[in-house]
């Protein structure tokens, strides 16, 4: 009888361990895998018709599903459907969400990730693209992997411009200007260096704040200016291009590592093709957005050489603080600037 009881207890223990192993998601084998099919949910904060989601639908989803013969299924969740950026980024890190398109929000965990958004670092889209797809991007990718995510490809959100309820044509025009910026130190410090009165606010609150004149303006890439409807409550745009904002395809690293080499290669190639397409769409759409804004009555102000030089020069204290704070900062900036 004792032998039978011991056997029974042993069998129960084995079954319990098996059940736990099967329920581990990305901590075990492939998350969301059922009947040999793995589901990849992709979260992002972009509108459904934004170039990011167009590229996901037309390239990444199609390529992955076709080349894996349906063994990997892609589901896209735009417009913060799976939470805000911090929530879905953390979801990718812990494996509850398989993949996301994010900004550089993880700089709160690793400051080097945010270095690509330092002010006036990139001179053009070509410069940014070359750097991100070269040694500079590889250096940042290594930092992402330390945080449990696999960076698959760099995409573009755009150079940031300032929309305003009054014209900004000189450094003096920043004085007393209430400028909304993300609540991230490098953004806040950049705005203050320009001489603005920085007001950190979540993006979801910006339209109402502009409409009620709680703030005088905000800064974002052109695509966001249109998609969020800020043009309805603004009259001017300063094409400052003060910061470049990239995006990145991130996948839970344990999930990515659980795929066989062939599937990993399919995912990487699909991500790169999708990213290339998104760059093309974004750059084209930016010109379309500028035309749209002008038709809506907004004046786009392109700073002259002197004004631009003054804005760049105003960042010297910001960079000096960064160089004191991070021993890698100066070498990184030189690497970026030499990547032209």
Protein backbone atom coordinates (compact mmCIF):
# COMPACT_ATOMS: atom_id res chain seq x y z
CA UNK A 1 0.00 0.00 0.00
CA UNK A 2 2.84 2.42 0.91
CA UNK A 3 4.53 1.69 -2.43
CA UNK A 4 1.30 2.46 -4.30
CA UNK A 5 0.92 5.75 -2.39
CA UNK A 6 4.50 6.75 -3.12
CA UNK A 7 3.98 5.94 -6.80
CA UNK A 8 0.78 7.98 -6.87
CA UNK A 9 2.42 10.99 -5.20
CA UNK A 10 5.34 10.77 -7.62
CA UNK A 11 3.01 10.67 -10.62
CA UNK A 12 1.11 13.72 -9.36
CA UNK A 13 4.39 15.64 -8.86
CA UNK A 14 5.51 14.85 -12.41
CA UNK A 15 2.17 16.00 -13.83
CA UNK A 16 2.33 19.25 -11.84
CA UNK A 17 5.86 20.02 -13.06
CA UNK A 18 4.80 19.30 -16.63
CA UNK A 19 1.84 21.64 -16.28
CA UNK A 20 4.04 24.44 -14.92
CA UNK A 21 6.54 24.00 -17.73
CA UNK A 22 3.79 24.17 -20.34
CA UNK A 23 2.36 27.37 -18.87
CA UNK A 24 5.60 29.35 -18.78
CA UNK A 25 5.00 31.25 -22.02
CA UNK A 26 8.16 33.02 -23.14
CA UNK A 27 10.02 31.63 -20.14
CA UNK A 28 9.68 28.18 -21.66
CA UNK A 29 9.24 27.59 -25.39
CA UNK A 30 7.29 29.82 -27.75
CA UNK A 31 4.73 32.15 -26.17
CA UNK A 32 1.22 31.90 -27.52
CA UNK A 33 2.08 28.63 -29.27
CA UNK A 34 -0.93 26.40 -29.85
CA UNK A 35 -1.22 23.43 -32.18
CA UNK A 36 2.17 24.32 -33.64
CA UNK A 37 1.14 27.94 -34.36
CA UNK A 38 2.80 30.85 -32.54
CA UNK A 39 0.88 34.10 -32.21
CA UNK A 40 2.82 37.37 -32.14
CA UNK A 41 0.90 40.36 -30.81
CA UNK A 42 2.49 43.69 -31.83
CA UNK A 43 1.59 46.73 -29.74
CA UNK A 44 2.23 50.36 -30.65
CA UNK A 45 0.88 53.87 -30.04
CA UNK A 46 0.48 54.92 -33.67
CA UNK A 47 -2.82 55.50 -35.46
CA UNK A 48 -3.98 52.71 -37.75
CA UNK A 49 -3.17 54.69 -40.91
CA UNK A 50 0.27 55.82 -39.71
CA UNK A 51 3.20 54.58 -41.86
CA UNK A 52 4.29 52.35 -38.97
CA UNK A 53 1.08 50.30 -39.05
CA UNK A 54 0.80 50.38 -42.84
CA UNK A 55 4.28 48.86 -43.06
CA UNK A 56 3.45 46.25 -40.42
CA UNK A 57 0.33 45.14 -42.28
CA UNK A 58 1.71 45.22 -45.81
CA UNK A 59 5.19 43.87 -45.14
CA UNK A 60 5.98 42.33 -41.75
CA UNK A 61 2.71 40.44 -41.22
CA UNK A 62 2.50 39.16 -44.81
CA UNK A 63 6.12 38.08 -45.05
CA UNK A 64 6.24 36.31 -41.69
CA UNK A 65 2.97 34.44 -42.18
CA UNK A 66 3.75 33.43 -45.77
CA UNK A 67 7.36 32.35 -45.21
CA UNK A 68 6.56 30.37 -42.06
CA UNK A 69 3.60 28.73 -43.84
CA UNK A 70 1.22 30.06 -41.20
CA UNK A 71 3.21 28.67 -38.26
CA UNK A 72 3.66 32.22 -37.00
CA UNK A 73 0.60 34.48 -36.97
CA UNK A 74 0.93 38.24 -36.50
CA UNK A 75 -1.73 40.39 -34.80
CA UNK A 76 -1.33 44.19 -34.80
CA UNK A 77 -2.69 46.37 -31.98
CA UNK A 78 -2.33 50.11 -32.84
CA UNK A 79 -3.39 53.23 -30.94
CA UNK A 80 -2.41 52.05 -27.44
CA UNK A 81 -4.93 49.19 -27.55
CA UNK A 82 -2.64 47.15 -25.25
CA UNK A 83 -1.84 50.04 -22.94
CA UNK A 84 0.43 53.06 -23.17
CA UNK A 85 4.04 52.84 -24.31
CA UNK A 86 5.45 52.15 -20.84
CA UNK A 87 2.92 49.37 -20.28
CA UNK A 88 3.43 47.53 -23.55
CA UNK A 89 7.19 48.00 -23.47
CA UNK A 90 7.28 46.38 -20.05
CA UNK A 91 4.94 43.73 -21.43
CA UNK A 92 7.51 42.84 -24.08
CA UNK A 93 10.24 42.71 -21.44
CA UNK A 94 8.32 40.30 -19.20
CA UNK A 95 6.80 38.29 -22.05
CA UNK A 96 3.09 39.09 -21.67
CA UNK A 97 3.27 40.86 -25.07
CA UNK A 98 5.40 39.33 -27.78
CA UNK A 99 6.45 42.43 -29.71
CA UNK A 100 6.08 46.21 -29.91
CA UNK A 101 7.14 49.29 -31.84
CA UNK A 102 8.47 51.68 -29.24
CA UNK A 103 10.40 54.89 -28.89
CA UNK A 104 13.42 55.18 -26.64
CA UNK A 105 11.42 55.00 -23.41
CA UNK A 106 13.70 52.28 -22.05
CA UNK A 107 16.32 54.96 -21.54
CA UNK A 108 14.85 55.17 -18.04
CA UNK A 109 16.40 51.74 -17.45
CA UNK A 110 19.51 52.27 -19.60
CA UNK A 111 20.49 55.89 -20.42
CA UNK A 112 22.52 54.98 -23.50
CA UNK A 113 19.31 53.93 -25.27
CA UNK A 114 18.16 57.55 -25.14
CA UNK A 115 21.42 58.94 -26.55
CA UNK A 116 20.12 58.74 -30.12
CA UNK A 117 17.57 61.44 -29.20
CA UNK A 118 20.08 63.96 -27.91
CA UNK A 119 19.53 67.45 -29.37
CA UNK A 120 20.82 68.34 -32.84
CA UNK A 121 22.76 65.06 -32.98
CA UNK A 122 21.76 64.07 -36.53
CA UNK A 123 21.93 66.51 -39.41
CA UNK A 124 19.54 64.77 -41.81
CA UNK A 125 17.41 61.69 -42.35
CA UNK A 126 20.20 60.13 -44.40
CA UNK A 127 22.65 60.70 -41.56
CA UNK A 128 20.28 59.17 -38.99
CA UNK A 129 19.49 56.16 -41.15
CA UNK A 130 23.15 55.43 -41.90
CA UNK A 131 24.13 55.71 -38.23
CA UNK A 132 21.27 53.59 -36.89
CA UNK A 133 21.88 50.84 -39.44
CA UNK A 134 25.60 50.89 -38.68
CA UNK A 135 27.88 50.82 -35.63
CA UNK A 136 25.84 53.40 -33.72
CA UNK A 137 22.66 51.33 -33.98
CA UNK A 138 24.52 48.13 -33.11
CA UNK A 139 25.83 49.75 -29.93
CA UNK A 140 22.30 50.69 -28.84
CA UNK A 141 20.92 47.27 -29.80
CA UNK A 142 23.36 45.67 -27.36
CA UNK A 143 21.85 47.79 -24.58
CA UNK A 144 18.32 46.66 -25.49
CA UNK A 145 19.34 43.01 -25.24
CA UNK A 146 20.54 43.56 -21.68
CA UNK A 147 16.94 44.44 -20.83
CA UNK A 148 15.45 41.21 -22.21
CA UNK A 149 14.30 42.44 -25.61
CA UNK A 150 15.56 41.67 -29.12
CA UNK A 151 15.80 44.76 -31.38
CA UNK A 152 14.87 43.68 -34.90
CA UNK A 153 14.97 46.89 -36.97
CA UNK A 154 15.11 50.68 -36.73
CA UNK A 155 12.22 52.74 -38.05
CA UNK A 156 11.67 56.47 -38.17
CA UNK A 157 9.28 58.66 -36.22
CA UNK A 158 10.86 61.84 -37.51
CA UNK A 159 12.65 65.04 -36.67
CA UNK A 160 10.77 66.99 -34.03
CA UNK A 161 9.31 70.41 -34.82
CA UNK A 162 7.56 72.96 -32.61
CA UNK A 163 3.94 73.95 -33.19
CA UNK A 164 2.88 77.22 -31.62
CA UNK A 165 0.07 79.71 -31.16
CA UNK A 166 2.45 82.54 -32.03
CA UNK A 167 5.46 82.78 -34.38
CA UNK A 168 8.90 81.72 -33.15
CA UNK A 169 11.51 83.41 -35.32
CA UNK A 170 14.31 84.06 -32.85
CA UNK A 171 15.67 82.87 -29.51
CA UNK A 172 13.85 85.77 -27.83
CA UNK A 173 10.51 84.27 -28.90
CA UNK A 174 11.12 81.27 -26.61
CA UNK A 175 11.04 83.50 -23.53
CA UNK A 176 7.86 82.82 -21.56
CA UNK A 177 6.72 80.29 -24.18
CA UNK A 178 4.93 77.42 -22.44
CA UNK A 179 6.17 74.37 -24.32
CA UNK A 180 4.86 70.87 -23.73
CA UNK A 181 7.53 68.17 -23.82
CA UNK A 182 7.61 64.52 -22.71
CA UNK A 183 8.54 64.07 -19.07
CA UNK A 184 12.00 62.74 -19.93
CA UNK A 185 15.06 64.61 -18.62
CA UNK A 186 16.81 65.10 -21.98
CA UNK A 187 13.64 66.58 -23.50
CA UNK A 188 12.99 68.86 -20.54
CA UNK A 189 16.62 70.02 -20.48
CA UNK A 190 16.55 70.70 -24.24
CA UNK A 191 13.44 72.85 -23.93
CA UNK A 192 14.87 74.79 -21.01
CA UNK A 193 18.14 75.35 -22.91
CA UNK A 194 16.12 76.95 -25.71
CA UNK A 195 14.70 79.32 -23.11
CA UNK A 196 11.17 77.90 -23.02
CA UNK A 197 8.97 77.35 -20.00
CA UNK A 198 8.74 73.55 -20.25
CA UNK A 199 5.45 71.90 -19.27
CA UNK A 200 5.72 68.07 -19.14
CA UNK A 201 2.40 66.46 -20.07
CA UNK A 202 1.24 63.05 -21.35
CA UNK A 203 0.51 63.13 -25.08
CA UNK A 204 -3.15 62.32 -24.41
CA UNK A 205 -3.58 65.65 -22.57
CA UNK A 206 -1.86 67.91 -25.10
CA UNK A 207 -4.78 68.74 -27.41
CA UNK A 208 -6.99 69.92 -24.55
CA UNK A 209 -4.12 71.90 -23.02
CA UNK A 210 -3.51 73.65 -26.36
CA UNK A 211 -7.23 74.27 -26.90
CA UNK A 212 -7.64 75.78 -23.44
CA UNK A 213 -4.39 77.78 -23.83
CA UNK A 214 -2.82 76.13 -20.80
CA UNK A 215 0.25 75.74 -23.00
CA UNK A 216 1.41 77.75 -26.03
CA UNK A 217 2.80 74.90 -28.07
CA UNK A 218 4.18 71.40 -28.27
CA UNK A 219 6.90 69.56 -30.16
CA UNK A 220 6.63 66.33 -32.12
CA UNK A 221 7.35 65.02 -35.61
CA UNK A 222 5.12 66.35 -38.40
CA UNK A 223 3.18 63.06 -38.63
CA UNK A 224 2.09 63.32 -34.98
CA UNK A 225 1.17 66.98 -35.44
CA UNK A 226 -1.36 65.95 -38.05
CA UNK A 227 -2.51 62.60 -36.61
CA UNK A 228 -3.23 64.12 -33.18
CA UNK A 229 -5.11 67.08 -34.67
CA UNK A 230 -2.87 69.70 -33.05
CA UNK A 231 -3.08 71.78 -36.23
CA UNK A 232 -6.67 72.59 -35.29
CA UNK A 233 -5.50 74.65 -32.29
CA UNK A 234 -2.13 75.96 -33.55
CA UNK A 235 -1.17 78.61 -36.11
CA UNK A 236 2.57 78.20 -36.62
CA UNK A 237 5.24 75.52 -36.94
CA UNK A 238 8.93 76.13 -36.30
CA UNK A 239 10.87 73.55 -38.31
CA UNK A 240 13.54 73.36 -35.63
CA UNK A 241 14.44 69.70 -36.17
CA UNK A 242 15.90 69.94 -32.66
CA UNK A 243 15.75 66.21 -31.94
CA UNK A 244 15.45 63.08 -34.04
CA UNK A 245 13.07 60.39 -32.80
CA UNK A 246 13.63 56.86 -34.04
CA UNK A 247 11.47 53.85 -33.29
CA UNK A 248 12.51 50.25 -32.96
CA UNK A 249 10.88 46.83 -33.42
CA UNK A 250 11.32 45.00 -30.12
CA UNK A 251 10.54 41.33 -29.49
CA UNK A 252 10.70 39.47 -26.21
CA UNK A 253 14.20 37.99 -26.28
CA UNK A 254 13.29 34.62 -24.79
CA UNK A 255 10.62 34.21 -27.44
CA UNK A 256 12.99 35.19 -30.24
CA UNK A 257 15.67 32.82 -28.94
CA UNK A 258 13.12 29.99 -28.78
CA UNK A 259 12.57 30.06 -32.55
CA UNK A 260 14.74 27.91 -34.79
CA UNK A 261 17.41 29.67 -36.86
CA UNK A 262 15.32 29.63 -40.04
CA UNK A 263 12.35 31.31 -38.32
CA UNK A 264 14.62 33.86 -36.65
CA UNK A 265 16.03 34.77 -40.06
CA UNK A 266 12.56 35.13 -41.55
CA UNK A 267 11.52 37.44 -38.70
CA UNK A 268 14.67 39.58 -38.99
CA UNK A 269 14.38 39.92 -42.77
CA UNK A 270 10.67 40.71 -42.55
CA UNK A 271 11.36 43.35 -39.91
CA UNK A 272 14.05 44.99 -42.02
CA UNK A 273 11.90 45.03 -45.15
CA UNK A 274 9.01 46.47 -43.17
CA UNK A 275 11.31 49.09 -41.63
CA UNK A 276 12.68 50.11 -45.03
CA UNK A 277 9.13 50.54 -46.31
CA UNK A 278 8.18 52.60 -43.25
CA UNK A 279 11.11 54.99 -43.86
CA UNK A 280 9.90 55.52 -47.44
CA UNK A 281 6.29 56.07 -46.36
CA UNK A 282 7.21 58.43 -43.53
CA UNK A 283 9.46 60.64 -45.62
CA UNK A 284 6.81 60.89 -48.34
CA UNK A 285 4.05 61.50 -45.83
CA UNK A 286 6.04 64.29 -44.17
CA UNK A 287 5.93 66.32 -47.38
CA UNK A 288 2.22 65.55 -47.69
CA UNK A 289 1.65 66.65 -44.08
CA UNK A 290 3.47 69.95 -44.63
CA UNK A 291 1.28 70.63 -47.66
CA UNK A 292 -1.82 69.70 -45.63
CA UNK A 293 -0.83 72.04 -42.77
CA UNK A 294 -0.29 74.93 -45.15
CA UNK A 295 -3.72 74.30 -46.67
CA UNK A 296 -5.16 74.48 -43.15
CA UNK A 297 -3.65 77.92 -42.77
CA UNK A 298 -0.56 77.15 -40.68
CA UNK A 299 2.65 79.05 -41.35
CA UNK A 300 5.78 76.89 -41.43
CA UNK A 301 8.84 78.82 -40.30
CA UNK A 302 12.22 77.50 -41.45
CA UNK A 303 14.93 79.04 -39.25
CA UNK A 304 17.70 80.87 -41.05
CA UNK A 305 21.34 79.85 -40.57
CA UNK A 306 21.92 82.29 -37.70
CA UNK A 307 18.84 81.20 -35.73
CA UNK A 308 19.67 77.52 -36.27
CA UNK A 309 23.25 78.07 -35.11
CA UNK A 310 22.00 79.84 -31.98
CA UNK A 311 19.71 76.92 -31.12
CA UNK A 312 22.55 74.45 -31.58
CA UNK A 313 24.91 76.60 -29.51
CA UNK A 314 22.31 76.77 -26.72
CA UNK A 315 22.75 73.02 -26.25
CA UNK A 316 26.39 73.31 -25.11
CA UNK A 317 25.51 73.23 -21.38
CA UNK A 318 23.24 70.23 -21.99
CA UNK A 319 26.09 68.30 -23.60
CA UNK A 320 28.61 69.34 -20.96
CA UNK A 321 26.28 67.90 -18.29
CA UNK A 322 25.90 64.69 -20.29
CA UNK A 323 29.68 64.35 -20.67
CA UNK A 324 30.10 64.73 -16.90
CA UNK A 325 27.32 62.27 -16.17
CA UNK A 326 28.30 59.48 -18.58
CA UNK A 327 31.89 58.44 -19.29
CA UNK A 328 30.84 56.99 -22.67
CA UNK A 329 28.91 60.06 -23.87
CA UNK A 330 31.65 62.03 -25.64
CA UNK A 331 32.92 59.03 -27.61
CA UNK A 332 29.35 58.13 -28.58
CA UNK A 333 28.59 61.63 -29.87
CA UNK A 334 31.82 61.64 -31.88
CA UNK A 335 30.90 58.25 -33.36
CA UNK A 336 27.51 59.59 -34.44
CA UNK A 337 28.94 62.74 -35.97
CA UNK A 338 31.64 60.79 -37.79
CA UNK A 339 29.03 58.45 -39.26
CA UNK A 340 27.94 61.08 -41.80
